[in-house]
Amino acid sequence: MSDAQFESALQSREKPTGLSVELRERTSRGMIDLRGLPDDPQFMAAVKQTLTLDLPTAPRTSTAWGDIQALWLSTDQWLILCPRARTEELLSALRQALQGIHSFAVDVSDMRTIIRLEGDQARPLLLKGSSLDLLSADYEAGTVRRLRFAEIAALLHIVSQKPDVIDLYVFRSYADYAWDWLLANGRVVAEVRQFGKQASPAV
């Protein structure tokens, strides 16, 4: 039996041009769905020893150490991001460390597609498909937020600011739809400026 191989949901797409942001798929990241009780010191200690980071316990936050990140999803759930090549290794280590502790860990690397947006127009572009006020001070670097984006369920992670680097997570089956939406609404002629006179596109 041959080993399963990862195939990008967007592998047939060409690199986009003429956009107000840089847009690309992140295919090198593995994802682990981790569940446990944050008030269980054994659980928290075992995870820290394995991943070398503290799980975030404040809502809508994230932590990182090296090439590993932990995104808060709910009071007892986190999304662990790591190099795709290390996913199996880290998952095995987590399960070993968490034996006998009320917890759950599973590889969900193929569940979602990660689309990265970079540039000053990343937030204005995402605003077109969401009711969130992404321009407010609440959405600083490290913020994680589940949302309804362009009528589909999504997850947002603000990686850094100035310029903005934002990762948009969508379920794999909606990857083409989300990509097409971003292409259609991210064109330079469709750019939204919060201040000043809007330039009229040439006819």
N, C-alpha and C. Protein backbone atom coordinates (compact mmCIF):
# COMPACT_ATOMS: atom_id res chain seq x y z
N MET A 1 0.85 -1.19 0.00
CA MET A 1 0.00 0.00 0.00
C MET A 1 0.88 1.25 0.00
N SER A 2 0.60 2.18 -0.88
CA SER A 2 1.40 3.41 -0.96
C SER A 2 1.00 4.37 0.14
N ASP A 3 1.95 5.21 0.55
CA ASP A 3 1.68 6.20 1.59
C ASP A 3 0.82 7.33 1.03
N ALA A 4 -0.03 7.87 1.90
CA ALA A 4 -0.87 9.00 1.50
C ALA A 4 0.01 10.23 1.29
N GLN A 5 -0.28 10.99 0.26
CA GLN A 5 0.49 12.19 -0.03
C GLN A 5 -0.42 13.40 -0.04
N PHE A 6 0.10 14.50 0.48
CA PHE A 6 -0.68 15.74 0.53
C PHE A 6 -0.78 16.37 -0.85
N GLU A 7 -1.99 16.82 -1.19
CA GLU A 7 -2.20 17.58 -2.42
C GLU A 7 -2.94 18.86 -2.06
N SER A 8 -2.38 19.97 -2.49
CA SER A 8 -2.98 21.27 -2.21
C SER A 8 -4.34 21.39 -2.89
N ALA A 9 -5.28 21.99 -2.19
CA ALA A 9 -6.61 22.24 -2.78
C ALA A 9 -6.54 23.29 -3.87
N LEU A 10 -5.45 24.08 -3.88
CA LEU A 10 -5.31 25.17 -4.85
C LEU A 10 -4.12 24.96 -5.77
N GLN A 11 -3.66 23.72 -5.90
CA GLN A 11 -2.44 23.46 -6.64
C GLN A 11 -2.53 23.84 -8.12
N SER A 12 -3.73 23.88 -8.67
CA SER A 12 -3.87 24.20 -10.09
C SER A 12 -3.96 25.70 -10.35
N ARG A 13 -3.98 26.50 -9.28
CA ARG A 13 -4.12 27.95 -9.44
C ARG A 13 -2.79 28.61 -9.73
N GLU A 14 -2.80 29.58 -10.63
CA GLU A 14 -1.60 30.34 -10.94
C GLU A 14 -1.42 31.46 -9.92
N LYS A 15 -0.19 31.94 -9.80
CA LYS A 15 0.09 33.04 -8.89
C LYS A 15 -0.69 34.27 -9.33
N PRO A 16 -1.50 34.85 -8.43
CA PRO A 16 -2.33 35.99 -8.82
C PRO A 16 -1.53 37.26 -9.06
N THR A 17 -2.02 38.09 -9.96
CA THR A 17 -1.40 39.38 -10.25
C THR A 17 -2.47 40.45 -10.25
N GLY A 18 -2.04 41.71 -10.16
CA GLY A 18 -2.99 42.82 -10.21
C GLY A 18 -3.83 42.99 -8.97
N LEU A 19 -3.35 42.46 -7.83
CA LEU A 19 -4.10 42.56 -6.58
C LEU A 19 -3.52 43.65 -5.69
N SER A 20 -4.34 44.12 -4.75
CA SER A 20 -3.89 45.14 -3.80
C SER A 20 -3.16 44.52 -2.63
N VAL A 21 -3.15 43.19 -2.54
CA VAL A 21 -2.45 42.46 -1.49
C VAL A 21 -1.69 41.30 -2.13
N GLU A 22 -0.72 40.78 -1.38
CA GLU A 22 -0.05 39.55 -1.81
C GLU A 22 -0.85 38.38 -1.28
N LEU A 23 -1.14 37.44 -2.14
CA LEU A 23 -2.02 36.32 -1.79
C LEU A 23 -1.31 35.01 -2.12
N ARG A 24 -1.28 34.09 -1.16
CA ARG A 24 -0.67 32.78 -1.43
C ARG A 24 -1.20 31.75 -0.45
N GLU A 25 -1.14 30.51 -0.86
CA GLU A 25 -1.54 29.42 0.01
C GLU A 25 -0.34 28.95 0.82
N ARG A 26 -0.58 28.63 2.08
CA ARG A 26 0.48 28.08 2.92
C ARG A 26 0.31 26.57 3.00
N THR A 27 1.14 25.87 2.28
CA THR A 27 1.01 24.42 2.21
C THR A 27 1.97 23.69 3.14
N SER A 28 2.87 24.42 3.76
CA SER A 28 3.93 23.77 4.55
C SER A 28 3.57 23.59 6.02
N ARG A 29 2.35 23.95 6.41
CA ARG A 29 1.98 23.88 7.81
C ARG A 29 1.09 22.68 8.10
N GLY A 30 1.45 21.95 9.15
CA GLY A 30 0.62 20.87 9.65
C GLY A 30 -0.26 21.41 10.77
N MET A 31 -1.39 20.74 11.02
CA MET A 31 -2.33 21.21 12.03
C MET A 31 -2.79 20.06 12.92
N ILE A 32 -2.79 20.31 14.21
CA ILE A 32 -3.24 19.33 15.19
C ILE A 32 -4.36 19.95 16.02
N ASP A 33 -5.49 19.26 16.08
CA ASP A 33 -6.60 19.70 16.93
C ASP A 33 -6.36 19.12 18.32
N LEU A 34 -6.17 19.99 19.29
CA LEU A 34 -5.86 19.57 20.66
C LEU A 34 -6.96 20.01 21.61
N ARG A 35 -7.43 19.08 22.43
CA ARG A 35 -8.45 19.39 23.44
C ARG A 35 -7.99 18.90 24.80
N GLY A 36 -8.37 19.68 25.81
CA GLY A 36 -8.03 19.34 27.18
C GLY A 36 -8.56 20.40 28.11
N LEU A 37 -8.31 20.23 29.40
CA LEU A 37 -8.81 21.17 30.39
C LEU A 37 -7.71 22.13 30.82
N PRO A 38 -7.87 23.43 30.58
CA PRO A 38 -6.82 24.39 30.92
C PRO A 38 -6.58 24.51 32.42
N ASP A 39 -7.56 24.08 33.24
CA ASP A 39 -7.35 24.14 34.69
C ASP A 39 -6.75 22.85 35.23
N ASP A 40 -6.35 21.95 34.34
CA ASP A 40 -5.67 20.71 34.73
C ASP A 40 -4.17 20.94 34.60
N PRO A 41 -3.46 21.11 35.71
CA PRO A 41 -2.02 21.40 35.63
C PRO A 41 -1.22 20.30 34.94
N GLN A 42 -1.66 19.05 35.06
CA GLN A 42 -0.95 17.96 34.39
C GLN A 42 -1.05 18.09 32.87
N PHE A 43 -2.23 18.42 32.40
CA PHE A 43 -2.43 18.61 30.96
C PHE A 43 -1.58 19.76 30.44
N MET A 44 -1.64 20.89 31.10
CA MET A 44 -0.91 22.07 30.65
C MET A 44 0.60 21.83 30.68
N ALA A 45 1.07 21.15 31.72
CA ALA A 45 2.51 20.88 31.85
C ALA A 45 2.99 19.91 30.78
N ALA A 46 2.18 18.88 30.49
CA ALA A 46 2.56 17.89 29.48
C ALA A 46 2.65 18.53 28.10
N VAL A 47 1.70 19.42 27.80
CA VAL A 47 1.72 20.09 26.50
C VAL A 47 2.94 21.01 26.40
N LYS A 48 3.20 21.76 27.47
CA LYS A 48 4.35 22.67 27.45
C LYS A 48 5.66 21.91 27.28
N GLN A 49 5.78 20.79 27.95
CA GLN A 49 7.01 20.01 27.85
C GLN A 49 7.20 19.47 26.42
N THR A 50 6.10 19.14 25.77
CA THR A 50 6.17 18.57 24.42
C THR A 50 6.37 19.63 23.34
N LEU A 51 5.62 20.73 23.45
CA LEU A 51 5.64 21.76 22.41
C LEU A 51 6.56 22.93 22.73
N THR A 52 7.07 22.98 23.96
CA THR A 52 7.93 24.07 24.44
C THR A 52 7.23 25.43 24.36
N LEU A 53 5.91 25.44 24.55
CA LEU A 53 5.19 26.71 24.65
C LEU A 53 4.00 26.53 25.57
N ASP A 54 3.53 27.64 26.13
CA ASP A 54 2.33 27.63 26.96
C ASP A 54 1.11 27.77 26.06
N LEU A 55 0.10 26.97 26.30
CA LEU A 55 -1.14 27.13 25.55
C LEU A 55 -1.80 28.44 25.94
N PRO A 56 -2.32 29.21 24.99
CA PRO A 56 -3.03 30.44 25.34
C PRO A 56 -4.35 30.11 26.04
N THR A 57 -4.64 30.81 27.11
CA THR A 57 -5.89 30.58 27.83
C THR A 57 -6.85 31.76 27.72
N ALA A 58 -6.35 32.91 27.30
CA ALA A 58 -7.23 34.06 27.08
C ALA A 58 -7.93 33.88 25.74
N PRO A 59 -9.23 34.17 25.68
CA PRO A 59 -9.97 34.00 24.42
C PRO A 59 -9.35 34.78 23.26
N ARG A 60 -9.36 34.15 22.08
CA ARG A 60 -8.96 34.79 20.82
C ARG A 60 -7.50 35.23 20.81
N THR A 61 -6.64 34.45 21.45
CA THR A 61 -5.22 34.78 21.47
C THR A 61 -4.41 33.60 20.94
N SER A 62 -3.11 33.81 20.82
CA SER A 62 -2.23 32.75 20.33
C SER A 62 -0.87 32.88 21.00
N THR A 63 -0.11 31.80 20.95
CA THR A 63 1.26 31.81 21.44
C THR A 63 2.14 31.12 20.39
N ALA A 64 3.43 31.36 20.48
CA ALA A 64 4.34 30.77 19.51
C ALA A 64 5.71 30.56 20.13
N TRP A 65 6.39 29.54 19.64
CA TRP A 65 7.77 29.29 20.01
C TRP A 65 8.45 28.63 18.82
N GLY A 66 9.40 29.33 18.23
CA GLY A 66 10.05 28.80 17.05
C GLY A 66 9.05 28.64 15.91
N ASP A 67 8.99 27.44 15.35
CA ASP A 67 8.09 27.20 14.23
C ASP A 67 6.78 26.53 14.65
N ILE A 68 6.46 26.59 15.95
CA ILE A 68 5.22 26.02 16.46
C ILE A 68 4.33 27.14 16.99
N GLN A 69 3.05 27.08 16.67
CA GLN A 69 2.08 28.06 17.15
C GLN A 69 0.89 27.34 17.76
N ALA A 70 0.25 28.00 18.72
CA ALA A 70 -0.98 27.48 19.32
C ALA A 70 -2.04 28.57 19.23
N LEU A 71 -3.16 28.26 18.58
CA LEU A 71 -4.26 29.20 18.44
C LEU A 71 -5.41 28.79 19.33
N TRP A 72 -5.93 29.73 20.12
CA TRP A 72 -7.07 29.47 20.99
C TRP A 72 -8.33 29.37 20.14
N LEU A 73 -9.07 28.26 20.28
CA LEU A 73 -10.32 28.10 19.55
C LEU A 73 -11.53 28.15 20.47
N SER A 74 -11.40 27.60 21.67
CA SER A 74 -12.47 27.65 22.67
C SER A 74 -11.85 27.37 24.03
N THR A 75 -12.68 27.28 25.06
CA THR A 75 -12.14 27.13 26.41
C THR A 75 -11.37 25.83 26.61
N ASP A 76 -11.59 24.85 25.74
CA ASP A 76 -10.86 23.58 25.90
C ASP A 76 -10.32 23.06 24.57
N GLN A 77 -10.10 23.97 23.63
CA GLN A 77 -9.65 23.53 22.30
C GLN A 77 -8.63 24.50 21.71
N TRP A 78 -7.59 23.93 21.11
CA TRP A 78 -6.53 24.72 20.47
C TRP A 78 -6.18 24.10 19.12
N LEU A 79 -5.73 24.94 18.22
CA LEU A 79 -5.21 24.47 16.94
C LEU A 79 -3.70 24.65 16.99
N ILE A 80 -2.98 23.55 16.92
CA ILE A 80 -1.52 23.57 16.97
C ILE A 80 -0.99 23.55 15.54
N LEU A 81 -0.13 24.52 15.22
CA LEU A 81 0.47 24.60 13.89
C LEU A 81 1.95 24.27 13.98
N CYS A 82 2.43 23.50 13.03
CA CYS A 82 3.83 23.08 13.03
C CYS A 82 4.24 22.80 11.58
N PRO A 83 5.53 22.63 11.32
CA PRO A 83 5.93 22.22 9.97
C PRO A 83 5.23 20.92 9.59
N ARG A 84 4.69 20.86 8.39
CA ARG A 84 3.92 19.68 7.98
C ARG A 84 4.74 18.40 8.14
N ALA A 85 6.02 18.47 7.88
CA ALA A 85 6.87 17.29 7.97
C ALA A 85 7.02 16.77 9.40
N ARG A 86 6.72 17.63 10.38
CA ARG A 86 6.88 17.23 11.79
C ARG A 86 5.55 16.87 12.45
N THR A 87 4.46 16.93 11.72
CA THR A 87 3.14 16.73 12.33
C THR A 87 3.02 15.37 13.00
N GLU A 88 3.38 14.32 12.29
CA GLU A 88 3.26 12.97 12.84
C GLU A 88 4.12 12.81 14.08
N GLU A 89 5.32 13.35 14.03
CA GLU A 89 6.24 13.27 15.17
C GLU A 89 5.67 13.97 16.40
N LEU A 90 5.18 15.20 16.21
CA LEU A 90 4.64 15.96 17.34
C LEU A 90 3.34 15.35 17.86
N LEU A 91 2.51 14.85 16.96
CA LEU A 91 1.26 14.22 17.40
C LEU A 91 1.55 12.99 18.25
N SER A 92 2.51 12.19 17.83
CA SER A 92 2.88 11.00 18.59
C SER A 92 3.43 11.39 19.96
N ALA A 93 4.26 12.44 20.00
CA ALA A 93 4.83 12.90 21.26
C ALA A 93 3.75 13.44 22.19
N LEU A 94 2.79 14.16 21.64
CA LEU A 94 1.69 14.68 22.45
C LEU A 94 0.87 13.54 23.05
N ARG A 95 0.51 12.59 22.24
CA ARG A 95 -0.30 11.47 22.73
C ARG A 95 0.44 10.68 23.80
N GLN A 96 1.74 10.54 23.63
CA GLN A 96 2.54 9.83 24.63
C GLN A 96 2.56 10.61 25.94
N ALA A 97 2.77 11.92 25.85
CA ALA A 97 2.85 12.76 27.06
C ALA A 97 1.51 12.87 27.76
N LEU A 98 0.41 12.74 27.00
CA LEU A 98 -0.92 12.94 27.57
C LEU A 98 -1.62 11.64 27.96
N GLN A 99 -0.90 10.54 27.93
CA GLN A 99 -1.50 9.27 28.34
C GLN A 99 -2.01 9.36 29.77
N GLY A 100 -3.24 8.92 29.98
CA GLY A 100 -3.83 8.95 31.31
C GLY A 100 -4.40 10.30 31.71
N ILE A 101 -4.27 11.29 30.84
CA ILE A 101 -4.80 12.64 31.11
C ILE A 101 -5.99 12.88 30.18
N HIS A 102 -7.06 13.42 30.72
CA HIS A 102 -8.26 13.71 29.92
C HIS A 102 -7.89 14.68 28.80
N SER A 103 -7.83 14.17 27.58
CA SER A 103 -7.37 15.00 26.46
C SER A 103 -7.70 14.32 25.14
N PHE A 104 -7.44 15.04 24.06
CA PHE A 104 -7.70 14.54 22.72
C PHE A 104 -6.78 15.26 21.76
N ALA A 105 -6.14 14.53 20.86
CA ALA A 105 -5.25 15.15 19.86
C ALA A 105 -5.36 14.37 18.56
N VAL A 106 -5.59 15.10 17.46
CA VAL A 106 -5.76 14.44 16.17
C VAL A 106 -5.18 15.32 15.06
N ASP A 107 -4.63 14.70 14.04
CA ASP A 107 -4.08 15.41 12.89
C ASP A 107 -5.23 15.90 12.00
N VAL A 108 -5.31 17.21 11.81
CA VAL A 108 -6.36 17.79 10.95
C VAL A 108 -5.72 18.62 9.83
N SER A 109 -4.52 18.26 9.45
CA SER A 109 -3.77 19.05 8.46
C SER A 109 -4.50 19.19 7.13
N ASP A 110 -5.28 18.17 6.76
CA ASP A 110 -5.98 18.21 5.47
C ASP A 110 -7.40 18.74 5.59
N MET A 111 -7.79 19.18 6.78
CA MET A 111 -9.15 19.68 6.97
C MET A 111 -9.32 21.09 6.43
N ARG A 112 -8.27 21.92 6.62
CA ARG A 112 -8.37 23.33 6.26
C ARG A 112 -7.30 23.72 5.25
N THR A 113 -7.61 24.77 4.50
CA THR A 113 -6.64 25.43 3.63
C THR A 113 -6.29 26.77 4.25
N ILE A 114 -5.01 27.10 4.28
CA ILE A 114 -4.56 28.37 4.84
C ILE A 114 -4.20 29.31 3.70
N ILE A 115 -4.87 30.45 3.65
CA ILE A 115 -4.57 31.47 2.64
C ILE A 115 -3.97 32.67 3.36
N ARG A 116 -2.77 33.05 2.97
CA ARG A 116 -2.09 34.18 3.61
C ARG A 116 -2.28 35.45 2.79
N LEU A 117 -2.66 36.53 3.49
CA LEU A 117 -2.78 37.85 2.88
C LEU A 117 -1.71 38.75 3.49
N GLU A 118 -0.98 39.46 2.67
CA GLU A 118 0.06 40.37 3.14
C GLU A 118 -0.10 41.73 2.48
N GLY A 119 0.04 42.79 3.30
CA GLY A 119 -0.02 44.14 2.76
C GLY A 119 -1.01 45.02 3.50
N ASP A 120 -0.91 46.31 3.26
CA ASP A 120 -1.75 47.28 3.96
C ASP A 120 -3.23 47.15 3.61
N GLN A 121 -3.54 46.50 2.50
CA GLN A 121 -4.94 46.35 2.10
C GLN A 121 -5.55 45.02 2.54
N ALA A 122 -4.82 44.26 3.36
CA ALA A 122 -5.33 42.96 3.80
C ALA A 122 -6.61 43.11 4.63
N ARG A 123 -6.60 44.02 5.59
CA ARG A 123 -7.79 44.20 6.43
C ARG A 123 -8.97 44.77 5.66
N PRO A 124 -8.76 45.85 4.88
CA PRO A 124 -9.89 46.36 4.09
C PRO A 124 -10.49 45.30 3.16
N LEU A 125 -9.65 44.43 2.60
CA LEU A 125 -10.17 43.38 1.74
C LEU A 125 -11.03 42.40 2.53
N LEU A 126 -10.55 41.99 3.69
CA LEU A 126 -11.32 41.05 4.51
C LEU A 126 -12.60 41.69 5.05
N LEU A 127 -12.58 43.00 5.25
CA LEU A 127 -13.77 43.71 5.71
C LEU A 127 -14.93 43.57 4.73
N LYS A 128 -14.62 43.42 3.47
CA LYS A 128 -15.66 43.30 2.45
C LYS A 128 -16.49 42.03 2.64
N GLY A 129 -15.91 41.03 3.29
CA GLY A 129 -16.62 39.77 3.45
C GLY A 129 -16.99 39.44 4.87
N SER A 130 -16.84 40.42 5.78
CA SER A 130 -17.09 40.15 7.20
C SER A 130 -17.67 41.38 7.88
N SER A 131 -18.40 41.15 8.96
CA SER A 131 -18.97 42.25 9.73
C SER A 131 -18.04 42.71 10.85
N LEU A 132 -16.88 42.07 11.00
CA LEU A 132 -15.95 42.44 12.06
C LEU A 132 -15.27 43.77 11.74
N ASP A 133 -15.03 44.56 12.78
CA ASP A 133 -14.29 45.81 12.60
C ASP A 133 -12.80 45.51 12.76
N LEU A 134 -12.20 45.02 11.70
CA LEU A 134 -10.80 44.61 11.76
C LEU A 134 -9.84 45.77 11.88
N LEU A 135 -10.34 46.99 11.75
CA LEU A 135 -9.49 48.17 11.88
C LEU A 135 -9.38 48.65 13.32
N SER A 136 -10.16 48.05 14.22
CA SER A 136 -10.13 48.48 15.62
C SER A 136 -8.88 47.94 16.31
N ALA A 137 -8.56 48.55 17.46
CA ALA A 137 -7.37 48.16 18.21
C ALA A 137 -7.48 46.76 18.80
N ASP A 138 -8.69 46.20 18.81
CA ASP A 138 -8.88 44.85 19.35
C ASP A 138 -8.16 43.80 18.52
N TYR A 139 -7.94 44.10 17.26
CA TYR A 139 -7.36 43.11 16.35
C TYR A 139 -5.88 43.41 16.13
N GLU A 140 -5.11 43.07 17.15
CA GLU A 140 -3.66 43.27 17.11
C GLU A 140 -2.98 41.97 16.72
N ALA A 141 -1.67 42.04 16.58
CA ALA A 141 -0.90 40.84 16.22
C ALA A 141 -1.13 39.74 17.26
N GLY A 142 -1.38 38.54 16.79
CA GLY A 142 -1.63 37.41 17.67
C GLY A 142 -3.10 37.09 17.85
N THR A 143 -3.97 37.99 17.42
CA THR A 143 -5.41 37.78 17.59
C THR A 143 -5.90 36.63 16.71
N VAL A 144 -6.78 35.82 17.29
CA VAL A 144 -7.41 34.71 16.58
C VAL A 144 -8.92 34.90 16.68
N ARG A 145 -9.62 34.68 15.58
CA ARG A 145 -11.07 34.90 15.62
C ARG A 145 -11.78 33.98 14.61
N ARG A 146 -12.77 33.25 15.11
CA ARG A 146 -13.65 32.53 14.19
C ARG A 146 -14.64 33.55 13.65
N LEU A 147 -15.04 33.37 12.40
CA LEU A 147 -15.95 34.35 11.81
C LEU A 147 -16.69 33.74 10.63
N ARG A 148 -17.71 34.46 10.22
CA ARG A 148 -18.40 34.13 8.98
C ARG A 148 -17.83 35.05 7.91
N PHE A 149 -17.14 34.46 6.96
CA PHE A 149 -16.47 35.25 5.93
C PHE A 149 -17.03 34.88 4.57
N ALA A 150 -17.55 35.88 3.86
CA ALA A 150 -18.11 35.65 2.52
C ALA A 150 -19.11 34.50 2.54
N GLU A 151 -19.90 34.43 3.62
CA GLU A 151 -20.96 33.44 3.80
C GLU A 151 -20.46 32.03 4.11
N ILE A 152 -19.19 31.87 4.49
CA ILE A 152 -18.69 30.56 4.89
C ILE A 152 -17.98 30.68 6.24
N ALA A 153 -17.88 29.56 6.94
CA ALA A 153 -17.17 29.53 8.22
C ALA A 153 -15.67 29.64 7.97
N ALA A 154 -15.01 30.46 8.78
CA ALA A 154 -13.57 30.66 8.60
C ALA A 154 -12.92 30.97 9.94
N LEU A 155 -11.60 30.99 9.91
CA LEU A 155 -10.80 31.33 11.09
C LEU A 155 -9.75 32.34 10.65
N LEU A 156 -9.57 33.37 11.46
CA LEU A 156 -8.65 34.45 11.13
C LEU A 156 -7.53 34.50 12.17
N HIS A 157 -6.29 34.63 11.71
CA HIS A 157 -5.15 34.78 12.62
C HIS A 157 -4.29 35.93 12.13
N ILE A 158 -4.22 36.99 12.94
CA ILE A 158 -3.38 38.13 12.59
C ILE A 158 -1.96 37.81 13.05
N VAL A 159 -1.12 37.48 12.10
CA VAL A 159 0.24 37.03 12.41
C VAL A 159 1.12 38.19 12.84
N SER A 160 1.07 39.29 12.10
CA SER A 160 1.87 40.47 12.43
C SER A 160 1.24 41.71 11.81
N GLN A 161 1.77 42.87 12.18
CA GLN A 161 1.24 44.14 11.72
C GLN A 161 2.34 45.00 11.09
N LYS A 162 1.91 45.99 10.31
CA LYS A 162 2.78 47.02 9.72
C LYS A 162 3.98 46.45 8.97
N PRO A 163 3.78 45.88 7.80
CA PRO A 163 2.48 45.65 7.15
C PRO A 163 1.78 44.42 7.71
N ASP A 164 0.49 44.35 7.46
CA ASP A 164 -0.30 43.24 7.98
C ASP A 164 0.05 41.93 7.30
N VAL A 165 0.13 40.89 8.10
CA VAL A 165 0.23 39.52 7.61
C VAL A 165 -0.89 38.75 8.31
N ILE A 166 -1.85 38.27 7.54
CA ILE A 166 -3.04 37.63 8.10
C ILE A 166 -3.26 36.29 7.42
N ASP A 167 -3.49 35.25 8.24
CA ASP A 167 -3.80 33.93 7.71
C ASP A 167 -5.30 33.68 7.82
N LEU A 168 -5.90 33.28 6.72
CA LEU A 168 -7.32 32.96 6.67
C LEU A 168 -7.45 31.45 6.49
N TYR A 169 -8.13 30.80 7.43
CA TYR A 169 -8.33 29.35 7.39
C TYR A 169 -9.76 29.07 6.94
N VAL A 170 -9.89 28.27 5.90
CA VAL A 170 -11.21 27.85 5.44
C VAL A 170 -11.20 26.34 5.25
N PHE A 171 -12.37 25.73 5.36
CA PHE A 171 -12.42 24.29 5.13
C PHE A 171 -12.02 23.99 3.69
N ARG A 172 -11.31 22.90 3.52
CA ARG A 172 -10.71 22.56 2.22
C ARG A 172 -11.74 22.60 1.08
N SER A 173 -12.96 22.15 1.35
CA SER A 173 -13.97 22.11 0.30
C SER A 173 -14.39 23.50 -0.18
N TYR A 174 -14.06 24.54 0.62
CA TYR A 174 -14.39 25.91 0.23
C TYR A 174 -13.17 26.69 -0.24
N ALA A 175 -12.04 26.03 -0.40
CA ALA A 175 -10.81 26.74 -0.76
C ALA A 175 -10.93 27.47 -2.09
N ASP A 176 -11.47 26.80 -3.10
CA ASP A 176 -11.62 27.43 -4.41
C ASP A 176 -12.55 28.64 -4.34
N TYR A 177 -13.64 28.49 -3.61
CA TYR A 177 -14.59 29.59 -3.47
C TYR A 177 -13.93 30.79 -2.79
N ALA A 178 -13.23 30.54 -1.68
CA ALA A 178 -12.58 31.64 -0.95
C ALA A 178 -11.50 32.31 -1.81
N TRP A 179 -10.74 31.51 -2.53
CA TRP A 179 -9.69 32.04 -3.40
C TRP A 179 -10.29 32.93 -4.49
N ASP A 180 -11.35 32.45 -5.13
CA ASP A 180 -12.01 33.23 -6.18
C ASP A 180 -12.59 34.53 -5.62
N TRP A 181 -13.15 34.46 -4.42
CA TRP A 181 -13.71 35.66 -3.79
C TRP A 181 -12.61 36.69 -3.54
N LEU A 182 -11.48 36.24 -3.03
CA LEU A 182 -10.37 37.15 -2.76
C LEU A 182 -9.80 37.74 -4.05
N LEU A 183 -9.75 36.95 -5.10
CA LEU A 183 -9.26 37.46 -6.38
C LEU A 183 -10.21 38.52 -6.93
N ALA A 184 -11.51 38.27 -6.84
CA ALA A 184 -12.49 39.20 -7.40
C ALA A 184 -12.54 40.50 -6.62
N ASN A 185 -12.40 40.42 -5.30
CA ASN A 185 -12.53 41.61 -4.46
C ASN A 185 -11.20 42.26 -4.11
N GLY A 186 -10.10 41.59 -4.45
CA GLY A 186 -8.78 42.12 -4.10
C GLY A 186 -8.07 42.84 -5.22
N ARG A 187 -8.75 43.06 -6.33
CA ARG A 187 -8.13 43.77 -7.45
C ARG A 187 -7.81 45.21 -7.05
N VAL A 188 -6.77 45.75 -7.63
CA VAL A 188 -6.36 47.12 -7.32
C VAL A 188 -7.49 48.10 -7.59
N VAL A 189 -8.24 47.89 -8.68
CA VAL A 189 -9.34 48.81 -9.01
C VAL A 189 -10.48 48.73 -8.01
N ALA A 190 -10.51 47.65 -7.20
CA ALA A 190 -11.56 47.50 -6.20
C ALA A 190 -11.07 47.88 -4.81
N GLU A 191 -9.87 48.46 -4.74
CA GLU A 191 -9.27 48.82 -3.46
C GLU A 191 -10.12 49.84 -2.71
N VAL A 192 -10.26 49.63 -1.42
CA VAL A 192 -11.02 50.54 -0.56
C VAL A 192 -10.05 51.39 0.24
N ARG A 193 -10.23 52.70 0.17
CA ARG A 193 -9.41 53.62 0.96
C ARG A 193 -10.30 54.25 2.03
N GLN A 194 -9.83 54.16 3.28
CA GLN A 194 -10.65 54.67 4.38
C GLN A 194 -10.69 56.19 4.42
N PHE A 195 -9.65 56.83 3.91
CA PHE A 195 -9.57 58.28 4.01
C PHE A 195 -9.21 58.86 2.64
N GLY A 196 -9.72 60.03 2.36
CA GLY A 196 -9.39 60.69 1.10
C GLY A 196 -10.37 60.33 0.00
N LYS A 197 -10.18 60.95 -1.13
CA LYS A 197 -11.08 60.78 -2.26
C LYS A 197 -10.81 59.46 -2.97
N GLN A 198 -11.87 58.75 -3.29
CA GLN A 198 -11.74 57.50 -4.02
C GLN A 198 -11.41 57.79 -5.48
N ALA A 199 -10.44 57.08 -6.00
CA ALA A 199 -10.08 57.24 -7.41
C ALA A 199 -11.05 56.44 -8.27
N SER A 200 -11.52 57.05 -9.33
CA SER A 200 -12.44 56.37 -10.24
C SER A 200 -11.63 55.52 -11.21
N PRO A 201 -12.04 54.27 -11.42
CA PRO A 201 -11.31 53.42 -12.36
C PRO A 201 -11.46 53.94 -13.78
N ALA A 202 -10.43 53.75 -14.57
CA ALA A 202 -10.47 54.19 -15.97
C ALA A 202 -11.50 53.36 -16.73
N VAL A 203 -12.25 54.01 -17.58
CA VAL A 203 -13.28 53.33 -18.36
C VAL A 203 -12.73 52.99 -19.75
